[in-house]
């Protein structure tokens, strides 16, 4: 089973794709905050 997780806040968005057999496949984080 594939699971897509999405988390958002006022200045960040995070996503992850998880496969129950293979584990974490991909993840990304986007932010507007200056680093």
PDB file of N, CA and C in Angstrom:
ATOM      1  N   UNK A   1       0.836  -1.165   0.000  1.00  0.00           N
ATOM      2  CA  UNK A   1       0.000   0.000   0.000  1.00  0.00           C
ATOM      3  C   UNK A   1       0.888   1.238   0.000  1.00  0.00           C
ATOM      4  N   UNK A   2       0.566   2.193  -0.839  1.00  0.00           N
ATOM      5  CA  UNK A   2       1.272   3.473  -0.872  1.00  0.00           C
ATOM      6  C   UNK A   2       0.512   4.487  -0.034  1.00  0.00           C
ATOM      7  N   UNK A   3       1.241   5.261   0.750  1.00  0.00           N
ATOM      8  CA  UNK A   3       0.639   6.303   1.573  1.00  0.00           C
ATOM      9  C   UNK A   3       1.338   7.615   1.250  1.00  0.00           C
ATOM     10  N   UNK A   4       0.550   8.632   0.940  1.00  0.00           N
ATOM     11  CA  UNK A   4       1.063   9.981   0.709  1.00  0.00           C
ATOM     12  C   UNK A   4       0.704  10.823   1.920  1.00  0.00           C
ATOM     13  N   UNK A   5       1.710  11.353   2.607  1.00  0.00           N
ATOM     14  CA  UNK A   5       1.487  12.226   3.755  1.00  0.00           C
ATOM     15  C   UNK A   5       1.795  13.659   3.373  1.00  0.00           C
ATOM     16  N   UNK A   6       0.905  14.568   3.770  1.00  0.00           N
ATOM     17  CA  UNK A   6       1.074  15.994   3.478  1.00  0.00           C
ATOM     18  C   UNK A   6       0.874  16.773   4.773  1.00  0.00           C
ATOM     19  N   UNK A   7       1.802  17.662   5.082  1.00  0.00           N
ATOM     20  CA  UNK A   7       1.711  18.509   6.271  1.00  0.00           C
ATOM     21  C   UNK A   7       1.955  19.938   5.840  1.00  0.00           C
ATOM     22  N   UNK A   8       1.092  20.838   6.278  1.00  0.00           N
ATOM     23  CA  UNK A   8       1.263  22.247   5.926  1.00  0.00           C
ATOM     24  C   UNK A   8       1.142  23.119   7.170  1.00  0.00           C
ATOM     25  N   UNK A   9       1.808  24.248   7.121  1.00  0.00           N
ATOM     26  CA  UNK A   9       1.666  25.290   8.136  1.00  0.00           C
ATOM     27  C   UNK A   9       1.670  26.617   7.391  1.00  0.00           C
ATOM     28  N   UNK A  10       1.757  27.704   8.115  1.00  0.00           N
ATOM     29  CA  UNK A  10       1.673  29.008   7.452  1.00  0.00           C
ATOM     30  C   UNK A  10       2.844  29.277   6.510  1.00  0.00           C
ATOM     31  N   UNK A  11       4.017  28.669   6.760  1.00  0.00           N
ATOM     32  CA  UNK A  11       5.163  28.959   5.900  1.00  0.00           C
ATOM     33  C   UNK A  11       5.936  27.724   5.441  1.00  0.00           C
ATOM     34  N   UNK A  12       5.452  26.527   5.758  1.00  0.00           N
ATOM     35  CA  UNK A  12       6.135  25.299   5.336  1.00  0.00           C
ATOM     36  C   UNK A  12       5.137  24.267   4.828  1.00  0.00           C
ATOM     37  N   UNK A  13       5.590  23.454   3.887  1.00  0.00           N
ATOM     38  CA  UNK A  13       4.816  22.316   3.403  1.00  0.00           C
ATOM     39  C   UNK A  13       5.760  21.135   3.286  1.00  0.00           C
ATOM     40  N   UNK A  14       5.352  20.014   3.845  1.00  0.00           N
ATOM     41  CA  UNK A  14       6.146  18.795   3.769  1.00  0.00           C
ATOM     42  C   UNK A  14       5.314  17.666   3.188  1.00  0.00           C
ATOM     43  N   UNK A  15       5.950  16.804   2.393  1.00  0.00           N
ATOM     44  CA  UNK A  15       5.270  15.644   1.831  1.00  0.00           C
ATOM     45  C   UNK A  15       6.180  14.426   1.966  1.00  0.00           C
ATOM     46  N   UNK A  16       5.556  13.255   2.025  1.00  0.00           N
ATOM     47  CA  UNK A  16       6.313  12.006   2.073  1.00  0.00           C
ATOM     48  C   UNK A  16       5.498  10.919   1.388  1.00  0.00           C
ATOM     49  N   UNK A  17       6.199  10.007   0.727  1.00  0.00           N
ATOM     50  CA  UNK A  17       5.583   8.856   0.075  1.00  0.00           C
ATOM     51  C   UNK A  17       6.159   7.608   0.721  1.00  0.00           C
ATOM     52  N   UNK A  18       5.281   6.783   1.308  1.00  0.00           N
ATOM     53  CA  UNK A  18       5.703   5.595   2.057  1.00  0.00           C
ATOM     54  C   UNK A  18       5.037   4.363   1.473  1.00  0.00           C
ATOM     55  N   UNK A  19       5.823   3.323   1.242  1.00  0.00           N
ATOM     56  CA  UNK A  19       5.323   2.027   0.773  1.00  0.00           C
ATOM     57  C   UNK A  19       5.413   1.051   1.940  1.00  0.00           C
ATOM     58  N   UNK A  20       4.329   0.318   2.223  1.00  0.00           N
ATOM     59  CA  UNK A  20       4.324  -0.582   3.377  1.00  0.00           C
ATOM     60  C   UNK A  20       5.346  -1.704   3.242  1.00  0.00           C
ATOM     61  N   UNK A  21       5.725  -2.068   2.032  1.00  0.00           N
ATOM     62  CA  UNK A  21       6.707  -3.134   1.832  1.00  0.00           C
ATOM     63  C   UNK A  21       8.144  -2.604   1.750  1.00  0.00           C
ATOM     64  N   UNK A  22       8.336  -1.419   1.171  1.00  0.00           N
ATOM     65  CA  UNK A  22       9.685  -0.905   0.909  1.00  0.00           C
ATOM     66  C   UNK A  22      10.104   0.237   1.828  1.00  0.00           C
ATOM     67  N   UNK A  23       9.177   0.793   2.588  1.00  0.00           N
ATOM     68  CA  UNK A  23       9.505   1.897   3.482  1.00  0.00           C
ATOM     69  C   UNK A  23       9.374   3.248   2.797  1.00  0.00           C
ATOM     70  N   UNK A  24      10.112   4.222   3.302  1.00  0.00           N
ATOM     71  CA  UNK A  24      10.061   5.582   2.780  1.00  0.00           C
ATOM     72  C   UNK A  24      10.641   5.626   1.367  1.00  0.00           C
ATOM     73  N   UNK A  25       9.858   6.138   0.426  1.00  0.00           N
ATOM     74  CA  UNK A  25      10.307   6.225  -0.964  1.00  0.00           C
ATOM     75  C   UNK A  25      10.833   7.620  -1.305  1.00  0.00           C
ATOM     76  N   UNK A  26      10.184   8.656  -0.773  1.00  0.00           N
ATOM     77  CA  UNK A  26      10.601  10.027  -1.083  1.00  0.00           C
ATOM     78  C   UNK A  26      10.023  10.974  -0.042  1.00  0.00           C
ATOM     79  N   UNK A  27      10.687  12.110   0.121  1.00  0.00           N
ATOM     80  CA  UNK A  27      10.156  13.156   0.995  1.00  0.00           C
ATOM     81  C   UNK A  27      10.708  14.494   0.536  1.00  0.00           C
ATOM     82  N   UNK A  28       9.981  15.556   0.847  1.00  0.00           N
ATOM     83  CA  UNK A  28      10.410  16.899   0.465  1.00  0.00           C
ATOM     84  C   UNK A  28       9.838  17.902   1.454  1.00  0.00           C
ATOM     85  N   UNK A  29      10.542  19.006   1.618  1.00  0.00           N
ATOM     86  CA  UNK A  29      10.104  20.095   2.479  1.00  0.00           C
ATOM     87  C   UNK A  29      10.339  21.402   1.743  1.00  0.00           C
ATOM     88  N   UNK A  30       9.322  22.253   1.726  1.00  0.00           N
ATOM     89  CA  UNK A  30       9.455  23.571   1.112  1.00  0.00           C
ATOM     90  C   UNK A  30       9.101  24.608   2.163  1.00  0.00           C
ATOM     91  N   UNK A  31       9.925  25.630   2.276  1.00  0.00           N
ATOM     92  CA  UNK A  31       9.684  26.679   3.259  1.00  0.00           C
ATOM     93  C   UNK A  31       9.876  28.052   2.630  1.00  0.00           C
ATOM     94  N   UNK A  32       9.161  29.026   3.160  1.00  0.00           N
ATOM     95  CA  UNK A  32       9.334  30.411   2.733  1.00  0.00           C
ATOM     96  C   UNK A  32      10.281  31.159   3.662  1.00  0.00           C
ATOM     97  N   UNK A  33      10.627  30.563   4.782  1.00  0.00           N
ATOM     98  CA  UNK A  33      11.499  31.213   5.763  1.00  0.00           C
ATOM     99  C   UNK A  33      12.921  31.334   5.221  1.00  0.00           C
ATOM    100  N   UNK A  34      13.552  32.441   5.521  1.00  0.00           N
ATOM    101  CA  UNK A  34      14.952  32.625   5.128  1.00  0.00           C
ATOM    102  C   UNK A  34      15.829  31.702   5.969  1.00  0.00           C
ATOM    103  N   UNK A  35      16.737  30.999   5.321  1.00  0.00           N
ATOM    104  CA  UNK A  35      17.596  30.055   6.041  1.00  0.00           C
ATOM    105  C   UNK A  35      18.906  30.679   6.428  1.00  0.00           C
TER     106      UNK A  35
END
